[in-house]
Amino acid sequence: MGDIKKNVSIKINLSKKEIIDKISNMDYKRMEEKVALYKRYESLNLFHELFYIACNKSCNKEEEIYNLFVQLTRDFLDSCKVHQINEKSSWGIHIDTYEKLNQIIKTETSSYK
């Protein structure tokens, strides 16, 4: 399990670094784009936490990590959907982030089978 947790965390941190690099290189006039990137960064942090929760609650089995991550994510996104009037733009960002991390975790867990 340590390798999966480590490998997924490395990839998430690389994604965060890419976002910070983009923000750092942006012109101050592109404030809307910066805000969207900050929201994406926050979303990565949130899903990183959900992944850690899945790792800590699983019984060291890759499939359990993945299934629990999917369930935690589904619960979170459902709660966002309920409040989508206030969170509409964040909800879209969370969906995109989930799809990206879902693929990373799926790739990492399949490499251990």
C-alpha atoms as a PDB file:
ATOM      1  CA  MET A   1       0.000   0.000   0.000  1.00  0.00           C
ATOM      2  CA  GLY A   2       2.870   2.360   0.721  1.00  0.00           C
ATOM      3  CA  ASP A   3       3.904   2.408  -2.912  1.00  0.00           C
ATOM      4  CA  ILE A   4       0.420   3.247  -4.132  1.00  0.00           C
ATOM      5  CA  LYS A   5       0.040   6.022  -1.564  1.00  0.00           C
ATOM      6  CA  LYS A   6       3.484   7.362  -2.431  1.00  0.00           C
ATOM      7  CA  ASN A   7       3.060   7.123  -6.214  1.00  0.00           C
ATOM      8  CA  VAL A   8      -0.378   8.721  -6.268  1.00  0.00           C
ATOM      9  CA  SER A   9       0.795  11.477  -3.895  1.00  0.00           C
ATOM     10  CA  ILE A  10       3.789  12.220  -6.122  1.00  0.00           C
ATOM     11  CA  LYS A  11       1.524  12.576  -9.158  1.00  0.00           C
ATOM     12  CA  ILE A  12      -0.939  14.771  -7.279  1.00  0.00           C
ATOM     13  CA  ASN A  13       1.902  16.981  -6.033  1.00  0.00           C
ATOM     14  CA  LEU A  14       3.250  17.285  -9.586  1.00  0.00           C
ATOM     15  CA  SER A  15      -0.207  18.420 -10.711  1.00  0.00           C
ATOM     16  CA  LYS A  16      -0.261  20.989  -7.900  1.00  0.00           C
ATOM     17  CA  LYS A  17       3.182  22.231  -8.935  1.00  0.00           C
ATOM     18  CA  GLU A  18       2.014  22.643 -12.540  1.00  0.00           C
ATOM     19  CA  ILE A  19      -0.896  24.768 -11.348  1.00  0.00           C
ATOM     20  CA  ILE A  20       1.315  26.937  -9.137  1.00  0.00           C
ATOM     21  CA  ASP A  21       3.776  27.380 -12.015  1.00  0.00           C
ATOM     22  CA  LYS A  22       0.939  28.499 -14.307  1.00  0.00           C
ATOM     23  CA  ILE A  23      -0.323  30.942 -11.686  1.00  0.00           C
ATOM     24  CA  SER A  24       3.180  32.330 -11.114  1.00  0.00           C
ATOM     25  CA  ASN A  25       3.688  32.962 -14.815  1.00  0.00           C
ATOM     26  CA  MET A  26       0.346  34.690 -15.387  1.00  0.00           C
ATOM     27  CA  ASP A  27      -0.198  38.309 -16.107  1.00  0.00           C
ATOM     28  CA  TYR A  28      -2.103  40.138 -13.356  1.00  0.00           C
ATOM     29  CA  LYS A  29      -4.832  40.983 -15.893  1.00  0.00           C
ATOM     30  CA  ARG A  30      -5.876  37.327 -16.100  1.00  0.00           C
ATOM     31  CA  MET A  31      -7.458  37.288 -12.651  1.00  0.00           C
ATOM     32  CA  GLU A  32     -10.433  35.078 -13.597  1.00  0.00           C
ATOM     33  CA  GLU A  33      -8.098  32.418 -14.907  1.00  0.00           C
ATOM     34  CA  LYS A  34      -5.991  32.650 -11.740  1.00  0.00           C
ATOM     35  CA  VAL A  35      -9.069  32.184  -9.571  1.00  0.00           C
ATOM     36  CA  ALA A  36     -10.068  29.101 -11.580  1.00  0.00           C
ATOM     37  CA  LEU A  37      -6.554  27.681 -11.147  1.00  0.00           C
ATOM     38  CA  TYR A  38      -6.645  28.342  -7.394  1.00  0.00           C
ATOM     39  CA  LYS A  39      -9.975  26.503  -7.222  1.00  0.00           C
ATOM     40  CA  ARG A  40      -8.451  23.593  -9.124  1.00  0.00           C
ATOM     41  CA  TYR A  41      -5.544  23.587  -6.639  1.00  0.00           C
ATOM     42  CA  GLU A  42      -7.990  23.518  -3.721  1.00  0.00           C
ATOM     43  CA  SER A  43      -9.857  20.682  -5.399  1.00  0.00           C
ATOM     44  CA  LEU A  44      -6.638  18.685  -5.752  1.00  0.00           C
ATOM     45  CA  ASN A  45      -6.001  19.176  -2.027  1.00  0.00           C
ATOM     46  CA  LEU A  46      -9.479  17.970  -1.201  1.00  0.00           C
ATOM     47  CA  PHE A  47      -9.220  14.839  -3.354  1.00  0.00           C
ATOM     48  CA  HIS A  48      -5.741  14.183  -2.000  1.00  0.00           C
ATOM     49  CA  GLU A  49      -7.311  14.093   1.468  1.00  0.00           C
ATOM     50  CA  LEU A  50     -10.064  11.749   0.271  1.00  0.00           C
ATOM     51  CA  PHE A  51      -7.385   9.461  -1.142  1.00  0.00           C
ATOM     52  CA  TYR A  52      -5.501   9.470   2.189  1.00  0.00           C
ATOM     53  CA  ILE A  53      -8.715   8.633   4.025  1.00  0.00           C
ATOM     54  CA  ALA A  54      -9.276   5.719   1.638  1.00  0.00           C
ATOM     55  CA  CYS A  55      -5.708   4.492   2.222  1.00  0.00           C
ATOM     56  CA  ASN A  56      -6.025   4.732   5.993  1.00  0.00           C
ATOM     57  CA  LYS A  57      -9.395   2.963   6.133  1.00  0.00           C
ATOM     58  CA  SER A  58      -8.557   0.155   3.705  1.00  0.00           C
ATOM     59  CA  CYS A  59      -7.026  -3.153   4.702  1.00  0.00           C
ATOM     60  CA  ASN A  60      -3.924  -2.606   2.585  1.00  0.00           C
ATOM     61  CA  LYS A  61      -5.585  -3.955  -0.545  1.00  0.00           C
ATOM     62  CA  GLU A  62      -5.302  -1.895  -3.714  1.00  0.00           C
ATOM     63  CA  GLU A  63      -8.837  -2.707  -4.818  1.00  0.00           C
ATOM     64  CA  GLU A  64     -10.231  -1.617  -1.438  1.00  0.00           C
ATOM     65  CA  ILE A  65      -8.334   1.669  -1.673  1.00  0.00           C
ATOM     66  CA  TYR A  66      -9.780   2.334  -5.099  1.00  0.00           C
ATOM     67  CA  ASN A  67     -13.338   1.309  -4.176  1.00  0.00           C
ATOM     68  CA  LEU A  68     -13.314   3.367  -0.980  1.00  0.00           C
ATOM     69  CA  PHE A  69     -11.891   6.387  -2.828  1.00  0.00           C
ATOM     70  CA  VAL A  70     -14.686   6.090  -5.389  1.00  0.00           C
ATOM     71  CA  GLN A  71     -17.325   5.840  -2.633  1.00  0.00           C
ATOM     72  CA  LEU A  72     -15.925   8.791  -0.665  1.00  0.00           C
ATOM     73  CA  THR A  73     -15.758  10.808  -3.856  1.00  0.00           C
ATOM     74  CA  ARG A  74     -19.306   9.884  -4.835  1.00  0.00           C
ATOM     75  CA  ASP A  75     -20.572  10.951  -1.405  1.00  0.00           C
ATOM     76  CA  PHE A  76     -18.668  14.229  -1.615  1.00  0.00           C
ATOM     77  CA  LEU A  77     -19.827  15.024  -5.150  1.00  0.00           C
ATOM     78  CA  ASP A  78     -23.420  14.192  -4.239  1.00  0.00           C
ATOM     79  CA  SER A  79     -23.242  16.703  -1.397  1.00  0.00           C
ATOM     80  CA  CYS A  80     -21.819  19.281  -3.816  1.00  0.00           C
ATOM     81  CA  LYS A  81     -24.642  18.592  -6.252  1.00  0.00           C
ATOM     82  CA  VAL A  82     -27.195  19.344  -3.542  1.00  0.00           C
ATOM     83  CA  HIS A  83     -25.564  22.735  -3.053  1.00  0.00           C
ATOM     84  CA  GLN A  84     -24.715  23.357  -6.699  1.00  0.00           C
ATOM     85  CA  ILE A  85     -26.443  26.739  -6.741  1.00  0.00           C
ATOM     86  CA  ASN A  86     -23.658  28.023  -4.473  1.00  0.00           C
ATOM     87  CA  GLU A  87     -20.971  25.641  -5.704  1.00  0.00           C
ATOM     88  CA  LYS A  88     -21.730  25.391  -9.421  1.00  0.00           C
ATOM     89  CA  SER A  89     -18.266  26.326 -10.658  1.00  0.00           C
ATOM     90  CA  SER A  90     -16.556  24.338  -7.907  1.00  0.00           C
ATOM     91  CA  TRP A  91     -18.656  21.269  -8.697  1.00  0.00           C
ATOM     92  CA  GLY A  92     -17.399  21.259 -12.293  1.00  0.00           C
ATOM     93  CA  ILE A  93     -13.824  21.597 -11.089  1.00  0.00           C
ATOM     94  CA  HIS A  94     -14.320  18.736  -8.634  1.00  0.00           C
ATOM     95  CA  ILE A  95     -15.689  16.500 -11.397  1.00  0.00           C
ATOM     96  CA  ASP A  96     -12.656  17.233 -13.596  1.00  0.00           C
ATOM     97  CA  THR A  97     -10.264  16.657 -10.707  1.00  0.00           C
ATOM     98  CA  TYR A  98     -11.952  13.407  -9.750  1.00  0.00           C
ATOM     99  CA  GLU A  99     -11.711  12.088 -13.309  1.00  0.00           C
ATOM    100  CA  LYS A 100      -7.995  12.861 -13.424  1.00  0.00           C
ATOM    101  CA  LEU A 101      -7.236  11.324 -10.025  1.00  0.00           C
ATOM    102  CA  ASN A 102      -9.500   8.371 -10.677  1.00  0.00           C
ATOM    103  CA  GLN A 103      -7.348   7.545 -13.704  1.00  0.00           C
ATOM    104  CA  ILE A 104      -4.093   7.987 -11.729  1.00  0.00           C
ATOM    105  CA  ILE A 105      -5.261   5.715  -8.919  1.00  0.00           C
ATOM    106  CA  LYS A 106      -6.700   3.157 -11.330  1.00  0.00           C
ATOM    107  CA  THR A 107      -3.346   3.055 -13.171  1.00  0.00           C
ATOM    108  CA  GLU A 108      -1.381   2.731  -9.938  1.00  0.00           C
ATOM    109  CA  THR A 109      -3.560  -0.026  -8.513  1.00  0.00           C
ATOM    110  CA  SER A 110      -3.580  -2.030 -11.746  1.00  0.00           C
ATOM    111  CA  SER A 111       0.221  -2.030 -11.845  1.00  0.00           C
ATOM    112  CA  TYR A 112       0.258  -4.053  -8.606  1.00  0.00           C
ATOM    113  CA  LYS A 113      -1.939  -6.877  -9.881  1.00  0.00           C
END
